[in-house]
Every structure is written in structure tokens, then in C-alpha cells.
Amino acid sequence: MNCLAFVPTKNGQATKAGLEAVSYAQRCGATVTALVVGELNGDGGAGAAGASKVLHMGDNLQDEGQIARVVAAAADAEGATLVVAPHDHIGRAVAPRVAVRMGAGMVPGVTGLLQGSEVKKNVFSGKAMAHVNIETDKKVVTTTPNAFGVASDGAAA
């Protein structure tokens, strides 16, 4: 399975939530391509977090619609069937737009790894867990911050 992980940046560094999205995709057993949008120094840690390839959009795009177009185009170019984004302010704005452009099913705020077509997420303010089945071939998920952590193997992409 090919996966595109969307990694936002802040002050020239990949965000922790973005690197968690890369680690999540790698733990799902996917071949991960990280898409970093914004100013970046090196690979921003995406390689160490599990990305085998890093795509960098150097323009500092601020509009979520533009970012969604870039993410959807990159997913199509890479043949990605899974797009992972952080469940932060930018991920919550971009992921639904990417899902519509790809014709993909989407689950926001996942807390469990994708197993086949099923993911786990918190519901009712975290008081219960739901197992959600994504019935489309293409999938978009956003990862809950601090639910998975950042894996590090020290490699660079």
C-alpha cells in the first residue's frame, strides 16, 4: 500500500503532529511518501519518522484550498491509496477537501492503526471507542495528536 503523509511546517521545521502522521502511516505497513508544505530545513525529520521519500512544496501556501489541491495531486502522482494528515488546525481543514478530490472515505481523529479497512477512534469526548470501516478503495485519515508518538530510526529520506 502506498501512502502520502501530509506534514505541515512551522518556523522551518516539520511539526510534531506531522511527523506523528508519517510514523502512523509507516506503522500501518505502508510505503510512505511525506509531503512537506512550507519552509523546511533538510527533510525535517520525515525520513527518521518512517518516510522513504519526501516531496517538498517550498511555497508557503496559507490557503487550505490550495494546500488540498497540492496534496490530492501528490497523492495521485504517487499512486497513494491512503492519505494521512495530523488532526490539527490545518489537517482538519485540508483532509476533508482532499477526500472529496480523491473520492475517498475519511475518518477524522483516529486513535488506532488502520487494519484492513477498519480504524479506531474516540467518540463521546473519549469516553467510548468506535471501530469505523472505510468502504472505499482510497482512504483519508487524520491522526489524533500524541496518540502514536514519533518513531525514529535515524534514517534520512
Protein backbone atom coordinates (compact mmCIF):
# COMPACT_ATOMS: atom_id res chain seq x y z
CA MET A 1 0.00 0.00 0.00
CA ASN A 2 1.30 3.46 -0.91
CA CYS A 3 0.64 6.30 1.49
CA LEU A 4 1.06 10.05 1.35
CA ALA A 5 1.58 11.74 4.72
CA PHE A 6 0.89 15.48 4.84
CA VAL A 7 3.43 17.25 7.05
CA PRO A 8 2.87 20.93 7.91
CA THR A 9 5.80 23.11 8.96
CA LYS A 10 6.36 25.88 11.46
CA ASN A 11 9.47 28.08 11.55
CA GLY A 12 11.30 25.87 9.03
CA GLN A 13 10.69 22.64 10.97
CA ALA A 14 8.19 19.85 10.46
CA THR A 15 5.53 19.87 13.18
CA LYS A 16 5.46 17.05 15.73
CA ALA A 17 1.88 16.23 14.70
CA GLY A 18 3.01 15.97 11.07
CA LEU A 19 5.83 13.59 11.99
CA GLU A 20 3.34 11.52 14.00
CA ALA A 21 1.28 11.21 10.80
CA VAL A 22 4.36 9.84 8.99
CA SER A 23 5.03 7.36 11.81
CA TYR A 24 1.37 6.27 11.79
CA ALA A 25 1.49 5.54 8.05
CA GLN A 26 4.72 3.58 8.44
CA ARG A 27 3.25 1.52 11.32
CA CYS A 28 0.28 0.65 9.08
CA GLY A 29 2.75 -1.15 6.82
CA ALA A 30 2.61 1.40 4.03
CA THR A 31 5.37 2.70 1.80
CA VAL A 32 5.34 6.31 2.95
CA THR A 33 5.92 9.46 0.93
CA ALA A 34 5.90 12.60 3.06
CA LEU A 35 4.60 15.82 1.51
CA VAL A 36 6.01 18.84 3.32
CA VAL A 37 4.42 22.20 2.52
CA GLY A 38 6.28 25.32 3.60
CA GLU A 39 9.79 26.37 4.53
CA LEU A 40 11.94 23.39 5.56
CA ASN A 41 15.49 22.65 6.67
CA GLY A 42 16.70 19.23 5.38
CA ASP A 43 13.99 16.56 5.37
CA GLY A 44 12.56 17.95 8.61
CA GLY A 45 12.87 14.58 10.33
CA ALA A 46 10.39 12.86 8.00
CA GLY A 47 12.96 10.24 6.98
CA ALA A 48 13.69 9.30 10.58
CA ALA A 49 9.94 9.11 11.26
CA GLY A 50 9.47 6.49 8.52
CA ALA A 51 9.19 8.23 5.15
CA SER A 52 11.07 6.62 2.27
CA LYS A 53 10.62 9.72 0.11
CA VAL A 54 10.00 13.40 0.86
CA LEU A 55 8.23 15.77 -1.53
CA HIS A 56 8.69 19.43 -0.67
CA MET A 57 6.42 22.26 -1.79
CA GLY A 58 8.58 25.28 -0.98
CA ASP A 59 5.86 27.85 -1.49
CA ASN A 60 4.47 28.95 1.84
CA LEU A 61 0.83 28.27 0.99
CA GLN A 62 -1.63 29.65 3.53
CA ASP A 63 -4.92 28.81 1.82
CA GLU A 64 -6.33 25.40 2.75
CA GLY A 65 -7.90 25.01 -0.70
CA GLN A 66 -4.52 25.42 -2.40
CA ILE A 67 -2.88 23.01 0.02
CA ALA A 68 -5.65 20.45 -0.57
CA ARG A 69 -5.10 20.66 -4.34
CA VAL A 70 -1.36 20.08 -3.85
CA VAL A 71 -1.94 17.12 -1.50
CA ALA A 72 -4.51 15.49 -3.81
CA ALA A 73 -2.25 15.95 -6.85
CA ALA A 74 0.73 14.48 -4.99
CA ALA A 75 -1.35 11.51 -3.81
CA ASP A 76 -2.46 10.86 -7.38
CA ALA A 77 1.10 11.18 -8.74
CA GLU A 78 2.45 8.79 -6.09
CA GLY A 79 -0.40 6.29 -6.51
CA ALA A 80 -1.33 6.64 -2.84
CA THR A 81 -4.41 4.80 -1.60
CA LEU A 82 -4.03 6.22 1.91
CA VAL A 83 -3.52 9.87 2.87
CA VAL A 84 -2.64 10.64 6.49
CA ALA A 85 -2.73 14.14 7.96
CA PRO A 86 -2.42 15.40 11.52
CA HIS A 87 -5.67 16.24 13.32
CA ASP A 88 -4.57 19.83 13.97
CA HIS A 89 -6.00 23.10 12.67
CA ILE A 90 -4.50 22.70 9.18
CA GLY A 91 -5.15 18.94 8.88
CA ARG A 92 -8.80 19.36 9.88
CA ALA A 93 -9.21 21.96 7.12
CA VAL A 94 -7.26 20.14 4.38
CA ALA A 95 -8.16 16.44 4.84
CA PRO A 96 -11.90 16.67 4.01
CA ARG A 97 -11.11 18.61 0.84
CA VAL A 98 -8.52 16.02 -0.17
CA ALA A 99 -11.04 13.22 0.46
CA VAL A 100 -13.58 14.89 -1.84
CA ARG A 101 -10.98 15.44 -4.58
CA MET A 102 -9.86 11.79 -4.37
CA GLY A 103 -13.32 10.27 -3.96
CA ALA A 104 -12.04 8.73 -0.73
CA GLY A 105 -13.65 7.78 2.56
CA MET A 106 -12.44 9.79 5.53
CA VAL A 107 -12.18 9.25 9.27
CA PRO A 108 -11.00 12.18 11.42
CA GLY A 109 -9.13 11.82 14.70
CA VAL A 110 -8.10 8.15 14.58
CA THR A 111 -6.50 6.59 17.64
CA GLY A 112 -5.84 3.09 16.30
CA LEU A 113 -3.85 1.73 13.38
CA LEU A 114 -5.56 1.01 10.08
CA GLN A 115 -6.19 -2.74 9.91
CA GLY A 116 -7.58 -3.68 6.53
CA SER A 117 -10.30 -1.11 6.16
CA GLU A 118 -11.05 -0.55 9.86
CA VAL A 119 -9.76 2.15 12.20
CA LYS A 120 -10.45 3.00 15.81
CA LYS A 121 -11.36 6.49 17.07
CA ASN A 122 -12.59 8.13 20.25
CA VAL A 123 -16.23 9.18 20.47
CA PHE A 124 -18.27 10.91 23.18
CA SER A 125 -15.33 13.05 24.37
CA GLY A 126 -13.10 10.00 24.67
CA LYS A 127 -15.50 8.05 26.87
CA ALA A 128 -16.05 5.36 24.22
CA MET A 129 -14.24 3.88 21.22
CA ALA A 130 -15.72 3.35 17.77
CA HIS A 131 -14.46 0.94 15.15
CA VAL A 132 -15.07 2.57 11.78
CA ASN A 133 -14.98 0.66 8.49
CA ILE A 134 -13.87 2.68 5.45
CA GLU A 135 -15.52 1.06 2.45
CA THR A 136 -13.76 2.99 -0.34
CA ASP A 137 -10.53 1.93 -2.06
CA LYS A 138 -8.90 5.24 -1.20
CA LYS A 139 -8.79 6.41 2.40
CA VAL A 140 -8.02 9.67 4.21
CA VAL A 141 -7.44 9.75 7.97
CA THR A 142 -6.28 12.36 10.45
CA THR A 143 -4.29 11.24 13.47
CA THR A 144 -5.11 12.44 16.97
CA PRO A 145 -2.12 14.36 18.40
CA ASN A 146 0.03 12.39 20.86
CA ALA A 147 -1.86 9.14 20.20
CA PHE A 148 1.02 7.44 18.37
CA GLY A 149 4.24 9.34 19.01
CA VAL A 150 7.07 9.77 16.54
CA ALA A 151 9.04 6.66 15.66
CA SER A 152 12.69 7.34 14.90
CA ASP A 153 15.10 5.07 13.11
CA GLY A 154 17.66 7.83 12.46
CA ALA A 155 17.44 7.49 8.67
CA ALA A 156 17.01 10.29 6.17
CA ALA A 157 14.71 10.19 3.17
